[in-house]
Amino acid sequence: MSEIEIIRYNGIRGIRLFFNTVYRRTPHQHRELEIILVVKNEMKIECERGTFTVGPGRMILFNPGEIHQLESPEGCTFLCLQIRPDIFPGCGTENLFFDAQVSFETSDGEALRTFREHIVRIAEAYFAREEGFELFCHSETGLLIYRLLGFLPYHILSAAERETRIIRNERMHRLFLFVEENYMHKVRLSDFAKEEGMSMSYLSHFVKDVIGMTFQEYVTEVRLDAACRMILESPKDRLIDICYASGFSDYRYFCAAFKKRLGTTPDLFRLTNSRGDGGAAGSANRFSEEEIHGKAESEAYLAMLRKLV
């Protein structure tokens, strides 16, 4: 499982923008400031500062490095705008940290409408790619950040605070990568601790504090995601083989963990989610982690988004 975003549109300097449909994503982070604007269906978001539910027309913002996980049984489609902290050198954005993790559910309606208008204008230019679109996207993004500063509480990180966050974020990035590369085998926190040159006790508390679950619980989540994809992508494979391929060493434990997390057994999951016709080209399975949309779908979702502005 990869925690690296795969973008179908080439980004421009400092900005990436795409439509995404997510059913479930394990805890992850981005190095960019991330703003999500929901287009279709609700999504539950668990992050460092609480749990939020966002629906169509609503927004949520994540600071660079903030850990968050997403879940939407029906599949939530949203526009994601990722902005590099150093997009405007010398303007302080490198050390900008918003102090409120808000979903804008109770926000001033006019302010929310203004934010949506900025994001839609950025998206229209980004996808149309007419001459000078890079300049337009940067100017609108700068204005969006400026207006967010007037609406949300924030502070500028000191040099020490910034260094502490960088160390923390990079350590979590390495941990996510470590699990991603090893979840199909026996993966132990002690091995990661050795790589980091730190005590297992410290890292155990560190992981629990940052992502709200133990290291082994996170590994289990990653393995279950992998198992779901294998079940749907390889309908003829035996479930016991999928169990071992996704990193579980005991089939009974695999079934118990699967039922606890997904509310059904692996065989019933396969039966109720199988697609006899093979599915539409380019579509995502219902329980796949996510689907990042191409040009035609993005333009259709952008049309839906315009109606919400």
Protein backbone atom coordinates (compact mmCIF):
# COMPACT_ATOMS: atom_id res chain seq x y z
CA MET A 1 0.00 0.00 0.00
CA SER A 2 1.40 3.35 -0.98
CA GLU A 3 0.86 6.56 0.91
CA ILE A 4 2.20 8.57 -2.03
CA GLU A 5 -0.42 10.47 -4.00
CA ILE A 6 -0.58 9.52 -7.70
CA ILE A 7 -1.69 12.61 -9.59
CA ARG A 8 -2.97 12.30 -13.15
CA TYR A 9 -2.50 16.01 -13.84
CA ASN A 10 1.01 17.40 -13.78
CA GLY A 11 1.15 19.92 -10.96
CA ILE A 12 2.41 23.44 -11.29
CA ARG A 13 5.05 24.86 -8.97
CA GLY A 14 3.80 24.68 -5.42
CA ILE A 15 0.24 23.50 -6.26
CA ARG A 16 -1.40 20.13 -6.87
CA LEU A 17 -5.12 19.79 -7.40
CA PHE A 18 -7.23 16.70 -8.13
CA PHE A 19 -10.58 15.05 -7.56
CA ASN A 20 -10.50 11.94 -5.42
CA THR A 21 -13.06 9.39 -4.26
CA VAL A 22 -12.12 7.75 -0.97
CA TYR A 23 -13.71 4.84 0.81
CA ARG A 24 -11.00 4.35 3.37
CA ARG A 25 -7.46 5.50 4.00
CA THR A 26 -5.28 4.50 6.89
CA PRO A 27 -3.47 7.26 8.82
CA HIS A 28 -1.23 9.26 6.51
CA GLN A 29 0.30 12.70 6.08
CA HIS A 30 1.33 15.18 3.39
CA ARG A 31 4.16 17.67 3.32
CA GLU A 32 1.77 20.27 1.88
CA LEU A 33 -1.01 22.38 3.33
CA GLU A 34 -4.09 20.43 2.25
CA ILE A 35 -7.60 21.80 1.73
CA ILE A 36 -10.45 19.40 0.99
CA LEU A 37 -13.76 20.56 -0.51
CA VAL A 38 -16.40 17.80 -0.53
CA VAL A 39 -18.49 17.30 -3.67
CA LYS A 40 -20.46 14.10 -3.05
CA ASN A 41 -21.37 11.99 0.02
CA GLU A 42 -20.13 12.40 3.58
CA MET A 43 -16.74 11.45 4.96
CA LYS A 44 -15.58 10.79 8.49
CA ILE A 45 -12.18 12.24 9.26
CA GLU A 46 -10.10 11.29 12.29
CA CYS A 47 -7.09 13.48 12.90
CA GLU A 48 -4.84 14.74 15.65
CA ARG A 49 -7.34 17.30 16.88
CA GLY A 50 -10.56 15.31 16.81
CA THR A 51 -13.14 13.60 14.64
CA PHE A 52 -15.13 15.45 11.98
CA THR A 53 -17.84 14.58 9.49
CA VAL A 54 -17.91 16.66 6.32
CA GLY A 55 -20.57 16.64 3.62
CA PRO A 56 -21.10 18.22 0.20
CA GLY A 57 -20.00 21.85 0.01
CA ARG A 58 -18.02 21.67 3.25
CA MET A 59 -14.29 22.10 3.75
CA ILE A 60 -11.55 20.94 6.03
CA LEU A 61 -7.92 22.02 6.27
CA PHE A 62 -4.80 20.13 7.34
CA ASN A 63 -1.46 21.70 8.18
CA PRO A 64 1.64 20.15 6.60
CA GLY A 65 2.48 16.88 8.34
CA GLU A 66 -0.80 16.53 10.23
CA ILE A 67 -1.84 12.87 10.47
CA HIS A 68 -5.36 12.04 9.33
CA GLN A 69 -7.41 9.05 8.23
CA LEU A 70 -10.52 8.99 6.07
CA GLU A 71 -13.56 6.75 5.87
CA SER A 72 -16.73 6.86 3.77
CA PRO A 73 -18.76 3.65 3.24
CA GLU A 74 -20.48 5.17 0.20
CA GLY A 75 -17.32 6.71 -1.21
CA CYS A 76 -16.81 10.43 -0.67
CA THR A 77 -15.71 12.48 -3.68
CA PHE A 78 -13.83 15.69 -2.98
CA LEU A 79 -11.57 18.26 -4.57
CA CYS A 80 -8.14 18.25 -2.95
CA LEU A 81 -5.91 21.31 -3.12
CA GLN A 82 -2.34 20.76 -1.89
CA ILE A 83 -0.14 23.83 -1.41
CA ARG A 84 3.58 23.67 -0.68
CA PRO A 85 4.55 25.70 2.39
CA ASP A 86 7.29 27.48 0.43
CA ILE A 87 5.03 28.48 -2.46
CA PHE A 88 5.53 32.19 -1.70
CA PRO A 89 9.14 32.63 -0.53
CA GLY A 90 9.62 35.40 2.00
CA CYS A 91 5.89 35.70 2.81
CA GLY A 92 5.93 33.52 5.95
CA THR A 93 3.95 30.59 4.56
CA GLU A 94 6.86 28.23 5.33
CA ASN A 95 6.19 28.65 9.06
CA LEU A 96 2.42 29.15 8.94
CA PHE A 97 0.38 26.89 11.25
CA PHE A 98 -3.40 27.08 11.55
CA ASP A 99 -4.51 26.51 15.14
CA ALA A 100 -8.05 25.35 14.36
CA GLN A 101 -8.88 22.04 12.76
CA VAL A 102 -12.35 22.98 11.61
CA SER A 103 -14.76 21.50 9.11
CA PHE A 104 -16.52 24.83 8.50
CA GLU A 105 -19.82 23.14 9.43
CA THR A 106 -20.82 26.06 11.64
CA SER A 107 -18.90 28.70 9.76
CA ASP A 108 -20.21 32.00 8.55
CA GLY A 109 -22.04 31.16 5.32
CA GLU A 110 -20.60 34.08 3.40
CA ALA A 111 -17.03 33.20 4.37
CA LEU A 112 -17.50 29.58 3.34
CA ARG A 113 -18.97 30.69 0.03
CA THR A 114 -15.97 32.95 -0.59
CA PHE A 115 -13.50 30.13 0.10
CA ARG A 116 -15.38 27.81 -2.23
CA GLU A 117 -15.39 30.42 -4.99
CA HIS A 118 -11.60 30.79 -4.77
CA ILE A 119 -11.08 27.03 -4.92
CA VAL A 120 -13.44 26.60 -7.88
CA ARG A 121 -11.66 29.37 -9.79
CA ILE A 122 -8.31 27.71 -9.12
CA ALA A 123 -9.70 24.36 -10.30
CA GLU A 124 -11.19 25.81 -13.47
CA ALA A 125 -7.89 27.38 -14.48
CA TYR A 126 -5.86 24.35 -13.38
CA PHE A 127 -7.82 21.93 -15.54
CA ALA A 128 -8.34 24.28 -18.53
CA ARG A 129 -4.61 25.12 -18.71
CA GLU A 130 -5.06 28.17 -20.88
CA GLU A 131 -2.15 30.54 -21.42
CA GLY A 132 -1.11 32.17 -18.14
CA PHE A 133 -3.03 29.69 -15.97
CA GLU A 134 -0.05 29.22 -13.63
CA LEU A 135 -0.04 32.92 -12.75
CA PHE A 136 -3.80 32.90 -12.20
CA CYS A 137 -3.65 29.81 -9.96
CA HIS A 138 -0.86 31.30 -7.86
CA SER A 139 -2.66 34.63 -7.44
CA GLU A 140 -5.94 32.95 -6.43
CA THR A 141 -4.10 30.62 -4.05
CA GLY A 142 -2.35 33.57 -2.40
CA LEU A 143 -5.68 35.35 -1.96
CA LEU A 144 -7.26 32.20 -0.55
CA ILE A 145 -4.52 31.86 2.07
CA TYR A 146 -4.77 35.56 2.90
CA ARG A 147 -8.52 35.28 3.52
CA LEU A 148 -8.07 32.12 5.57
CA LEU A 149 -5.68 34.07 7.80
CA GLY A 150 -8.48 36.53 8.47
CA PHE A 151 -10.90 33.77 9.38
CA LEU A 152 -8.96 31.04 11.23
CA PRO A 153 -6.69 31.41 14.26
CA TYR A 154 -3.05 30.75 13.39
CA HIS A 155 0.48 31.38 14.53
CA ILE A 156 3.92 31.49 12.96
CA LEU A 157 6.15 28.63 14.07
CA SER A 158 9.37 29.58 15.77
CA ALA A 159 12.58 28.06 14.47
CA ALA A 160 12.55 25.55 17.34
CA GLU A 161 8.88 24.63 16.79
CA ARG A 162 9.44 24.17 13.08
CA GLU A 163 12.47 21.95 13.66
CA THR A 164 10.51 19.83 16.17
CA ARG A 165 7.64 19.36 13.73
CA ILE A 166 9.98 18.51 10.88
CA ILE A 167 11.68 15.82 12.99
CA ARG A 168 8.31 14.40 14.07
CA ASN A 169 6.82 14.45 10.57
CA GLU A 170 9.85 12.89 8.95
CA ARG A 171 9.93 10.13 11.56
CA MET A 172 6.26 9.33 10.89
CA HIS A 173 6.94 9.38 7.15
CA ARG A 174 9.69 6.81 7.64
CA LEU A 175 7.43 4.67 9.83
CA PHE A 176 4.63 4.69 7.23
CA LEU A 177 7.16 3.72 4.57
CA PHE A 178 8.62 1.00 6.82
CA VAL A 179 5.18 -0.60 7.28
CA GLU A 180 4.32 -0.18 3.60
CA GLU A 181 7.44 -2.08 2.57
CA ASN A 182 7.16 -4.82 5.20
CA TYR A 183 3.50 -5.43 6.13
CA MET A 184 3.38 -8.68 4.10
CA HIS A 185 6.12 -10.12 6.33
CA LYS A 186 6.70 -10.14 10.06
CA VAL A 187 6.99 -6.47 10.91
CA ARG A 188 8.15 -5.38 14.35
CA LEU A 189 8.47 -2.01 16.01
CA SER A 190 11.77 -3.15 17.47
CA ASP A 191 13.23 -3.35 13.96
CA PHE A 192 12.12 0.18 13.17
CA ALA A 193 13.47 1.36 16.54
CA LYS A 194 16.85 -0.11 15.64
CA GLU A 195 16.81 1.75 12.30
CA GLU A 196 15.95 4.98 14.11
CA GLY A 197 18.49 4.42 16.87
CA MET A 198 15.79 4.94 19.50
CA SER A 199 14.23 2.89 22.28
CA MET A 200 11.16 0.80 21.48
CA SER A 201 9.41 2.19 24.57
CA TYR A 202 9.77 5.77 23.33
CA LEU A 203 8.61 4.92 19.81
CA SER A 204 5.67 2.92 21.12
CA HIS A 205 4.36 5.96 23.01
CA PHE A 206 5.28 8.24 20.09
CA VAL A 207 3.19 6.24 17.60
CA LYS A 208 0.22 6.00 19.97
CA ASP A 209 0.29 9.73 20.67
CA VAL A 210 0.53 10.74 17.01
CA ILE A 211 -1.90 8.38 15.25
CA GLY A 212 -4.13 7.32 18.14
CA MET A 213 -3.43 3.60 17.79
CA THR A 214 -0.65 1.22 18.62
CA PHE A 215 1.97 0.25 16.08
CA GLN A 216 0.51 -3.25 15.75
CA GLU A 217 -3.03 -1.89 15.34
CA TYR A 218 -1.77 0.28 12.49
CA VAL A 219 -0.05 -2.69 10.85
CA THR A 220 -3.30 -4.65 11.09
CA GLU A 221 -5.19 -1.80 9.39
CA VAL A 222 -2.69 -1.77 6.54
CA ARG A 223 -2.92 -5.54 6.16
CA LEU A 224 -6.72 -5.47 6.10
CA ASP A 225 -6.68 -2.81 3.39
CA ALA A 226 -4.32 -4.98 1.36
CA ALA A 227 -6.51 -8.04 1.90
CA CYS A 228 -9.63 -6.19 0.71
CA ARG A 229 -7.91 -5.16 -2.49
CA MET A 230 -6.61 -8.67 -3.11
CA ILE A 231 -10.03 -10.22 -2.54
CA LEU A 232 -11.65 -7.94 -5.09
CA GLU A 233 -8.83 -7.83 -7.60
CA SER A 234 -8.14 -11.58 -7.51
CA PRO A 235 -11.55 -13.27 -7.13
CA LYS A 236 -10.17 -16.74 -7.90
CA ASP A 237 -7.42 -16.68 -5.27
CA ARG A 238 -8.02 -18.73 -2.13
CA LEU A 239 -8.78 -16.66 0.96
CA ILE A 240 -6.12 -18.48 2.96
CA ASP A 241 -3.54 -17.48 0.35
CA ILE A 242 -4.72 -13.87 0.54
CA CYS A 243 -4.47 -14.08 4.32
CA TYR A 244 -0.79 -15.00 4.13
CA ALA A 245 -0.02 -12.64 1.23
CA SER A 246 -1.37 -9.67 3.19
CA GLY A 247 0.86 -10.46 6.17
CA PHE A 248 -1.40 -12.44 8.51
CA SER A 249 0.13 -15.66 9.85
CA ASP A 250 -3.06 -17.14 11.30
CA TYR A 251 -6.24 -17.60 9.24
CA ARG A 252 -8.59 -17.59 12.26
CA TYR A 253 -7.10 -14.33 13.51
CA PHE A 254 -7.37 -12.87 9.99
CA CYS A 255 -11.10 -13.70 9.84
CA ALA A 256 -11.71 -12.31 13.33
CA ALA A 257 -9.84 -9.06 12.59
CA PHE A 258 -11.61 -8.74 9.23
CA LYS A 259 -15.06 -9.14 10.80
CA LYS A 260 -14.26 -6.75 13.65
CA ARG A 261 -13.11 -4.02 11.25
CA LEU A 262 -15.51 -4.52 8.32
CA GLY A 263 -18.50 -6.14 10.01
CA THR A 264 -18.44 -9.21 7.78
CA THR A 265 -16.34 -12.27 7.05
CA PRO A 266 -13.86 -12.38 4.15
CA ASP A 267 -15.97 -14.88 2.18
CA LEU A 268 -19.18 -12.86 2.58
CA PHE A 269 -17.25 -9.73 1.69
CA ARG A 270 -16.13 -11.36 -1.56
CA LEU A 271 -19.63 -12.66 -2.29
CA THR A 272 -21.42 -9.35 -1.71
CA ASN A 273 -18.81 -7.19 -3.47
CA SER A 274 -17.90 -9.35 -6.46
CA ARG A 275 -18.43 -7.88 -9.92
CA GLY A 276 -19.46 -10.44 -12.46
CA ASP A 277 -19.06 -8.03 -15.37
CA GLY A 278 -15.53 -7.09 -14.42
CA GLY A 279 -16.52 -3.48 -13.73
CA ALA A 280 -16.11 -0.37 -15.80
CA ALA A 281 -12.70 0.46 -17.15
CA GLY A 282 -10.78 2.65 -14.77
CA SER A 283 -13.32 2.30 -11.96
CA ALA A 284 -12.39 1.51 -8.39
CA ASN A 285 -13.71 -1.32 -6.27
CA ARG A 286 -16.10 -0.33 -3.54
CA PHE A 287 -13.56 -1.00 -0.79
CA SER A 288 -10.47 0.12 -2.64
CA GLU A 289 -8.50 2.74 -0.81
CA GLU A 290 -9.19 5.54 -3.24
CA GLU A 291 -9.65 6.52 -6.86
CA ILE A 292 -8.01 9.63 -8.26
CA HIS A 293 -10.06 10.78 -11.23
CA GLY A 294 -8.96 11.52 -14.77
CA LYS A 295 -9.86 14.43 -17.02
CA ALA A 296 -13.44 13.54 -18.05
CA GLU A 297 -14.54 12.63 -14.53
CA SER A 298 -12.81 15.67 -13.06
CA GLU A 299 -14.67 17.99 -15.43
CA ALA A 300 -17.98 16.34 -14.47
CA TYR A 301 -17.26 16.78 -10.76
CA LEU A 302 -16.17 20.36 -11.35
CA ALA A 303 -19.59 21.03 -12.90
CA MET A 304 -21.20 19.59 -9.77
CA LEU A 305 -18.97 21.76 -7.60
CA ARG A 306 -19.98 24.94 -9.45
CA LYS A 307 -23.58 24.31 -8.36
CA LEU A 308 -22.48 24.36 -4.72
CA VAL A 309 -20.85 27.80 -5.03
